[in-house]
């Protein structure tokens, strides 16, 4: 087919309108997900800062234990501070292990989602950049790039990212429920009931459209 054929102009016109609408929708979805992932990661980080202290003895505990060892050593005229009592007696509770495990996993996954979203936005920006002026070359290059997006499962990845982020949220809420039960049963029961409703609604929103 000749390079100056009208079909190339028509193809560019139709494909351009299709790409503009598709890229706009994808970018809006990714922007929304990035905002939610950023806010969510900040919230999880604030909670993790509080609970990570339960995974090991604090510096204040070590200082107090060291001072106690010194006093006892002076009394016994035998000073030995090679190992503090806090280090030997400290035991990580199962609650702290579960809570920090869920929250750290949730935080890592949400940051991973954000990183993938930014990478895909770079792909989308490069998709429509630097296309040749020649209608025939323009059309061929555009189709090559579009085929590459499909081959790399870009639509599926963009659709999966919000689902993955929702899994991160559910892991955080599960950890929050476990943590609250270690503090106060009444508050934990009320919060867990709300979390259960959110979980049921989320599962229903995933499967009901397919019915």
C-alpha atoms as a PDB file:
ATOM      1  CA  UNK A   1       0.000   0.000   0.000  1.00  0.00           C
ATOM      2  CA  UNK A   2       1.358   3.432  -0.956  1.00  0.00           C
ATOM      3  CA  UNK A   3       2.815   5.608   1.789  1.00  0.00           C
ATOM      4  CA  UNK A   4       0.489   8.469   0.843  1.00  0.00           C
ATOM      5  CA  UNK A   5      -2.711   6.415   0.749  1.00  0.00           C
ATOM      6  CA  UNK A   6      -5.755   7.891   2.464  1.00  0.00           C
ATOM      7  CA  UNK A   7      -6.150   4.791   4.614  1.00  0.00           C
ATOM      8  CA  UNK A   8      -3.134   5.793   6.708  1.00  0.00           C
ATOM      9  CA  UNK A   9      -4.676   9.163   7.544  1.00  0.00           C
ATOM     10  CA  UNK A  10      -7.960   7.511   8.482  1.00  0.00           C
ATOM     11  CA  UNK A  11      -6.141   4.958  10.621  1.00  0.00           C
ATOM     12  CA  UNK A  12      -4.195   7.665  12.450  1.00  0.00           C
ATOM     13  CA  UNK A  13      -7.408   9.611  13.082  1.00  0.00           C
ATOM     14  CA  UNK A  14      -9.336   6.638  14.463  1.00  0.00           C
ATOM     15  CA  UNK A  15      -6.396   5.208  16.408  1.00  0.00           C
ATOM     16  CA  UNK A  16      -5.539   8.628  17.832  1.00  0.00           C
ATOM     17  CA  UNK A  17      -9.049   9.123  19.214  1.00  0.00           C
ATOM     18  CA  UNK A  18      -9.019   5.607  20.658  1.00  0.00           C
ATOM     19  CA  UNK A  19      -5.581   6.065  22.251  1.00  0.00           C
ATOM     20  CA  UNK A  20      -6.451   9.457  23.720  1.00  0.00           C
ATOM     21  CA  UNK A  21      -9.528   8.093  25.483  1.00  0.00           C
ATOM     22  CA  UNK A  22      -7.760   4.928  26.625  1.00  0.00           C
ATOM     23  CA  UNK A  23      -4.639   6.686  27.916  1.00  0.00           C
ATOM     24  CA  UNK A  24      -6.723   9.292  29.721  1.00  0.00           C
ATOM     25  CA  UNK A  25      -8.720   6.593  31.495  1.00  0.00           C
ATOM     26  CA  UNK A  26      -5.617   4.598  32.420  1.00  0.00           C
ATOM     27  CA  UNK A  27      -3.756   7.663  33.688  1.00  0.00           C
ATOM     28  CA  UNK A  28      -6.714   8.748  35.802  1.00  0.00           C
ATOM     29  CA  UNK A  29      -6.956   5.292  37.358  1.00  0.00           C
ATOM     30  CA  UNK A  30      -3.225   5.212  38.053  1.00  0.00           C
ATOM     31  CA  UNK A  31      -3.236   8.734  39.530  1.00  0.00           C
ATOM     32  CA  UNK A  32      -6.068   7.805  41.875  1.00  0.00           C
ATOM     33  CA  UNK A  33      -4.308   4.620  42.914  1.00  0.00           C
ATOM     34  CA  UNK A  34      -1.050   6.486  43.550  1.00  0.00           C
ATOM     35  CA  UNK A  35      -2.797   8.991  45.821  1.00  0.00           C
ATOM     36  CA  UNK A  36      -4.546   6.242  47.785  1.00  0.00           C
ATOM     37  CA  UNK A  37      -1.360   4.155  48.013  1.00  0.00           C
ATOM     38  CA  UNK A  38       0.630   7.155  49.269  1.00  0.00           C
ATOM     39  CA  UNK A  39      -1.905   8.065  51.954  1.00  0.00           C
ATOM     40  CA  UNK A  40      -2.318   4.427  52.968  1.00  0.00           C
ATOM     41  CA  UNK A  41       1.445   3.891  53.251  1.00  0.00           C
ATOM     42  CA  UNK A  42       1.723   6.966  55.478  1.00  0.00           C
ATOM     43  CA  UNK A  43      -1.004   5.627  57.787  1.00  0.00           C
ATOM     44  CA  UNK A  44       0.568   2.167  57.995  1.00  0.00           C
ATOM     45  CA  UNK A  45       4.001   3.673  58.682  1.00  0.00           C
ATOM     46  CA  UNK A  46       2.614   5.630  61.636  1.00  0.00           C
ATOM     47  CA  UNK A  47       1.212   2.431  63.166  1.00  0.00           C
ATOM     48  CA  UNK A  48       4.367   0.421  62.436  1.00  0.00           C
ATOM     49  CA  UNK A  49       6.506   2.983  64.265  1.00  0.00           C
ATOM     50  CA  UNK A  50       4.467   2.272  67.399  1.00  0.00           C
ATOM     51  CA  UNK A  51       4.386  -1.524  67.192  1.00  0.00           C
ATOM     52  CA  UNK A  52       7.922  -2.235  65.971  1.00  0.00           C
ATOM     53  CA  UNK A  53       9.173  -1.471  69.472  1.00  0.00           C
ATOM     54  CA  UNK A  54       7.544  -4.704  70.624  1.00  0.00           C
ATOM     55  CA  UNK A  55       9.939  -6.768  68.500  1.00  0.00           C
ATOM     56  CA  UNK A  56      12.943  -6.007  70.695  1.00  0.00           C
ATOM     57  CA  UNK A  57      13.974  -4.391  73.979  1.00  0.00           C
ATOM     58  CA  UNK A  58      13.972  -0.610  73.931  1.00  0.00           C
ATOM     59  CA  UNK A  59      17.077   1.445  74.640  1.00  0.00           C
ATOM     60  CA  UNK A  60      15.488   2.633  77.886  1.00  0.00           C
ATOM     61  CA  UNK A  61      14.973  -0.974  79.010  1.00  0.00           C
ATOM     62  CA  UNK A  62      18.595  -1.800  78.209  1.00  0.00           C
ATOM     63  CA  UNK A  63      19.815   1.284  80.087  1.00  0.00           C
ATOM     64  CA  UNK A  64      17.743   0.452  83.163  1.00  0.00           C
ATOM     65  CA  UNK A  65      18.875  -3.166  83.095  1.00  0.00           C
ATOM     66  CA  UNK A  66      22.504  -2.115  82.732  1.00  0.00           C
ATOM     67  CA  UNK A  67      22.242   0.220  85.698  1.00  0.00           C
ATOM     68  CA  UNK A  68      20.648  -2.584  87.711  1.00  0.00           C
ATOM     69  CA  UNK A  69      23.509  -4.909  86.768  1.00  0.00           C
ATOM     70  CA  UNK A  70      26.021  -2.290  87.857  1.00  0.00           C
ATOM     71  CA  UNK A  71      24.318  -1.826  91.221  1.00  0.00           C
ATOM     72  CA  UNK A  72      24.117  -5.577  91.776  1.00  0.00           C
ATOM     73  CA  UNK A  73      27.736  -5.948  90.692  1.00  0.00           C
ATOM     74  CA  UNK A  74      28.860  -3.353  93.169  1.00  0.00           C
ATOM     75  CA  UNK A  75      26.947  -5.083  95.926  1.00  0.00           C
ATOM     76  CA  UNK A  76      28.447  -8.424  95.035  1.00  0.00           C
ATOM     77  CA  UNK A  77      31.907  -6.880  94.345  1.00  0.00           C
ATOM     78  CA  UNK A  78      31.717  -8.672  91.019  1.00  0.00           C
ATOM     79  CA  UNK A  79      30.860  -6.478  88.036  1.00  0.00           C
ATOM     80  CA  UNK A  80      29.855  -8.290  84.852  1.00  0.00           C
ATOM     81  CA  UNK A  81      27.885  -6.354  82.234  1.00  0.00           C
ATOM     82  CA  UNK A  82      28.586  -8.391  79.143  1.00  0.00           C
ATOM     83  CA  UNK A  83      24.912  -9.272  78.772  1.00  0.00           C
ATOM     84  CA  UNK A  84      22.005  -7.294  80.174  1.00  0.00           C
ATOM     85  CA  UNK A  85      18.971  -8.802  81.807  1.00  0.00           C
ATOM     86  CA  UNK A  86      16.670  -7.179  79.251  1.00  0.00           C
ATOM     87  CA  UNK A  87      18.397  -9.034  76.435  1.00  0.00           C
ATOM     88  CA  UNK A  88      18.157 -12.409  78.152  1.00  0.00           C
ATOM     89  CA  UNK A  89      14.605 -12.044  79.449  1.00  0.00           C
ATOM     90  CA  UNK A  90      12.944 -10.305  76.484  1.00  0.00           C
ATOM     91  CA  UNK A  91      10.457 -12.476  74.594  1.00  0.00           C
ATOM     92  CA  UNK A  92       8.503 -11.295  71.549  1.00  0.00           C
ATOM     93  CA  UNK A  93       4.791 -11.928  71.997  1.00  0.00           C
ATOM     94  CA  UNK A  94       2.878 -13.759  69.235  1.00  0.00           C
ATOM     95  CA  UNK A  95       0.590 -10.733  68.945  1.00  0.00           C
ATOM     96  CA  UNK A  96       3.511  -8.462  68.063  1.00  0.00           C
ATOM     97  CA  UNK A  97       4.763 -10.981  65.527  1.00  0.00           C
ATOM     98  CA  UNK A  98       1.368 -11.228  63.802  1.00  0.00           C
ATOM     99  CA  UNK A  99       0.653  -7.499  63.878  1.00  0.00           C
ATOM    100  CA  UNK A 100       4.055  -6.445  62.583  1.00  0.00           C
ATOM    101  CA  UNK A 101       4.068  -9.246  60.023  1.00  0.00           C
ATOM    102  CA  UNK A 102       0.718  -8.158  58.590  1.00  0.00           C
ATOM    103  CA  UNK A 103       1.541  -4.460  58.672  1.00  0.00           C
ATOM    104  CA  UNK A 104       5.026  -4.748  57.201  1.00  0.00           C
ATOM    105  CA  UNK A 105       3.694  -6.995  54.430  1.00  0.00           C
ATOM    106  CA  UNK A 106       0.873  -4.537  53.782  1.00  0.00           C
ATOM    107  CA  UNK A 107       3.313  -1.614  53.665  1.00  0.00           C
ATOM    108  CA  UNK A 108       5.718  -3.410  51.332  1.00  0.00           C
ATOM    109  CA  UNK A 109       2.917  -4.415  48.955  1.00  0.00           C
ATOM    110  CA  UNK A 110       1.410  -0.925  48.850  1.00  0.00           C
ATOM    111  CA  UNK A 111       4.800   0.616  48.079  1.00  0.00           C
ATOM    112  CA  UNK A 112       5.309  -2.024  45.398  1.00  0.00           C
ATOM    113  CA  UNK A 113       1.925  -1.134  43.892  1.00  0.00           C
ATOM    114  CA  UNK A 114       2.913   2.535  43.794  1.00  0.00           C
ATOM    115  CA  UNK A 115       6.250   1.732  42.152  1.00  0.00           C
ATOM    116  CA  UNK A 116       4.578  -0.392  39.465  1.00  0.00           C
ATOM    117  CA  UNK A 117       1.984   2.331  38.847  1.00  0.00           C
ATOM    118  CA  UNK A 118       4.703   4.941  38.301  1.00  0.00           C
ATOM    119  CA  UNK A 119       6.525   2.584  35.935  1.00  0.00           C
ATOM    120  CA  UNK A 120       3.370   2.033  33.882  1.00  0.00           C
ATOM    121  CA  UNK A 121       2.762   5.788  33.703  1.00  0.00           C
ATOM    122  CA  UNK A 122       6.213   6.105  32.163  1.00  0.00           C
ATOM    123  CA  UNK A 123       5.251   3.451  29.612  1.00  0.00           C
ATOM    124  CA  UNK A 124       2.080   5.349  28.748  1.00  0.00           C
ATOM    125  CA  UNK A 125       3.957   8.636  28.355  1.00  0.00           C
ATOM    126  CA  UNK A 126       6.425   6.956  26.003  1.00  0.00           C
ATOM    127  CA  UNK A 127       3.605   5.277  24.070  1.00  0.00           C
ATOM    128  CA  UNK A 128       2.503   8.395  22.200  1.00  0.00           C
ATOM    129  CA  UNK A 129       5.845  10.231  22.171  1.00  0.00           C
ATOM    130  CA  UNK A 130       8.184  10.514  19.206  1.00  0.00           C
ATOM    131  CA  UNK A 131       5.898   9.096  16.524  1.00  0.00           C
ATOM    132  CA  UNK A 132       7.126   9.726  12.941  1.00  0.00           C
ATOM    133  CA  UNK A 133       5.564  12.458  10.810  1.00  0.00           C
ATOM    134  CA  UNK A 134       5.016  10.107   7.879  1.00  0.00           C
ATOM    135  CA  UNK A 135       1.444   8.735   8.065  1.00  0.00           C
ATOM    136  CA  UNK A 136       2.527   5.235   7.095  1.00  0.00           C
ATOM    137  CA  UNK A 137       5.436   5.087   9.560  1.00  0.00           C
ATOM    138  CA  UNK A 138       3.273   6.758  12.198  1.00  0.00           C
ATOM    139  CA  UNK A 139       0.596   4.099  11.826  1.00  0.00           C
ATOM    140  CA  UNK A 140       3.077   1.223  11.842  1.00  0.00           C
ATOM    141  CA  UNK A 141       4.938   2.529  14.896  1.00  0.00           C
ATOM    142  CA  UNK A 142       1.694   3.157  16.766  1.00  0.00           C
ATOM    143  CA  UNK A 143       0.448  -0.359  16.071  1.00  0.00           C
ATOM    144  CA  UNK A 144       3.797  -1.839  17.123  1.00  0.00           C
ATOM    145  CA  UNK A 145       3.651   0.003  20.457  1.00  0.00           C
ATOM    146  CA  UNK A 146       0.025  -0.941  21.011  1.00  0.00           C
ATOM    147  CA  UNK A 147       0.816  -4.602  20.368  1.00  0.00           C
ATOM    148  CA  UNK A 148       3.679  -4.336  22.866  1.00  0.00           C
ATOM    149  CA  UNK A 149       1.317  -2.978  25.549  1.00  0.00           C
ATOM    150  CA  UNK A 150      -1.038  -5.888  24.978  1.00  0.00           C
ATOM    151  CA  UNK A 151       1.800  -8.406  24.896  1.00  0.00           C
ATOM    152  CA  UNK A 152       3.105  -7.157  28.244  1.00  0.00           C
ATOM    153  CA  UNK A 153      -0.396  -7.443  29.756  1.00  0.00           C
ATOM    154  CA  UNK A 154      -0.545  -3.734  30.548  1.00  0.00           C
ATOM    155  CA  UNK A 155      -4.385  -3.557  30.745  1.00  0.00           C
ATOM    156  CA  UNK A 156      -4.444  -6.564  33.074  1.00  0.00           C
ATOM    157  CA  UNK A 157      -1.736  -5.077  35.309  1.00  0.00           C
ATOM    158  CA  UNK A 158      -3.554  -1.740  35.540  1.00  0.00           C
ATOM    159  CA  UNK A 159      -6.751  -3.577  36.445  1.00  0.00           C
ATOM    160  CA  UNK A 160      -4.967  -5.716  39.051  1.00  0.00           C
ATOM    161  CA  UNK A 161      -3.244  -2.862  40.922  1.00  0.00           C
ATOM    162  CA  UNK A 162      -6.396  -1.587  42.725  1.00  0.00           C
ATOM    163  CA  UNK A 163      -7.245  -5.169  43.726  1.00  0.00           C
ATOM    164  CA  UNK A 164      -3.725  -5.655  45.105  1.00  0.00           C
ATOM    165  CA  UNK A 165      -4.013  -2.397  47.043  1.00  0.00           C
ATOM    166  CA  UNK A 166      -7.327  -3.522  48.518  1.00  0.00           C
ATOM    167  CA  UNK A 167      -5.596  -6.714  49.705  1.00  0.00           C
ATOM    168  CA  UNK A 168      -3.014  -4.500  51.425  1.00  0.00           C
ATOM    169  CA  UNK A 169      -5.818  -2.611  53.152  1.00  0.00           C
ATOM    170  CA  UNK A 170      -7.419  -5.854  54.328  1.00  0.00           C
ATOM    171  CA  UNK A 171      -4.086  -7.062  55.740  1.00  0.00           C
ATOM    172  CA  UNK A 172      -3.713  -3.791  57.615  1.00  0.00           C
ATOM    173  CA  UNK A 173      -7.242  -4.054  59.011  1.00  0.00           C
ATOM    174  CA  UNK A 174      -6.594  -7.661  60.068  1.00  0.00           C
ATOM    175  CA  UNK A 175      -3.462  -6.567  61.902  1.00  0.00           C
ATOM    176  CA  UNK A 176      -5.380  -3.684  63.471  1.00  0.00           C
ATOM    177  CA  UNK A 177      -7.988  -6.110  64.785  1.00  0.00           C
ATOM    178  CA  UNK A 178      -5.327  -8.359  66.327  1.00  0.00           C
ATOM    179  CA  UNK A 179      -3.577  -5.369  67.885  1.00  0.00           C
ATOM    180  CA  UNK A 180      -6.784  -3.979  69.393  1.00  0.00           C
ATOM    181  CA  UNK A 181      -7.596  -7.323  71.030  1.00  0.00           C
ATOM    182  CA  UNK A 182      -4.308  -7.037  72.909  1.00  0.00           C
ATOM    183  CA  UNK A 183      -5.393  -3.639  74.234  1.00  0.00           C
ATOM    184  CA  UNK A 184      -9.134  -3.704  74.883  1.00  0.00           C
ATOM    185  CA  UNK A 185     -11.681  -6.379  73.993  1.00  0.00           C
ATOM    186  CA  UNK A 186     -14.658  -4.018  73.789  1.00  0.00           C
ATOM    187  CA  UNK A 187     -12.993  -1.686  71.307  1.00  0.00           C
ATOM    188  CA  UNK A 188     -11.580  -4.666  69.413  1.00  0.00           C
ATOM    189  CA  UNK A 189     -14.981  -6.345  69.024  1.00  0.00           C
ATOM    190  CA  UNK A 190     -16.611  -3.155  67.737  1.00  0.00           C
ATOM    191  CA  UNK A 191     -13.757  -2.493  65.320  1.00  0.00           C
ATOM    192  CA  UNK A 192     -13.663  -6.105  64.127  1.00  0.00           C
ATOM    193  CA  UNK A 193     -17.386  -5.956  63.373  1.00  0.00           C
ATOM    194  CA  UNK A 194     -16.811  -2.905  61.159  1.00  0.00           C
ATOM    195  CA  UNK A 195     -13.834  -4.608  59.519  1.00  0.00           C
ATOM    196  CA  UNK A 196     -15.984  -7.676  58.841  1.00  0.00           C
ATOM    197  CA  UNK A 197     -18.635  -5.548  57.131  1.00  0.00           C
ATOM    198  CA  UNK A 198     -15.969  -3.882  54.991  1.00  0.00           C
ATOM    199  CA  UNK A 199     -14.535  -7.284  54.064  1.00  0.00           C
ATOM    200  CA  UNK A 200     -17.943  -8.696  53.082  1.00  0.00           C
ATOM    201  CA  UNK A 201     -18.740  -5.600  51.011  1.00  0.00           C
ATOM    202  CA  UNK A 202     -15.371  -5.818  49.284  1.00  0.00           C
ATOM    203  CA  UNK A 203     -15.755  -9.499  48.419  1.00  0.00           C
ATOM    204  CA  UNK A 204     -19.290  -8.869  47.173  1.00  0.00           C
ATOM    205  CA  UNK A 205     -18.103  -5.997  44.973  1.00  0.00           C
ATOM    206  CA  UNK A 206     -15.610  -8.348  43.343  1.00  0.00           C
ATOM    207  CA  UNK A 207     -17.966 -11.212  42.548  1.00  0.00           C
ATOM    208  CA  UNK A 208     -21.428  -9.664  42.123  1.00  0.00           C
ATOM    209  CA  UNK A 209     -20.618  -7.919  38.790  1.00  0.00           C
ATOM    210  CA  UNK A 210     -19.671 -11.310  37.338  1.00  0.00           C
ATOM    211  CA  UNK A 211     -23.015 -12.902  38.253  1.00  0.00           C
END
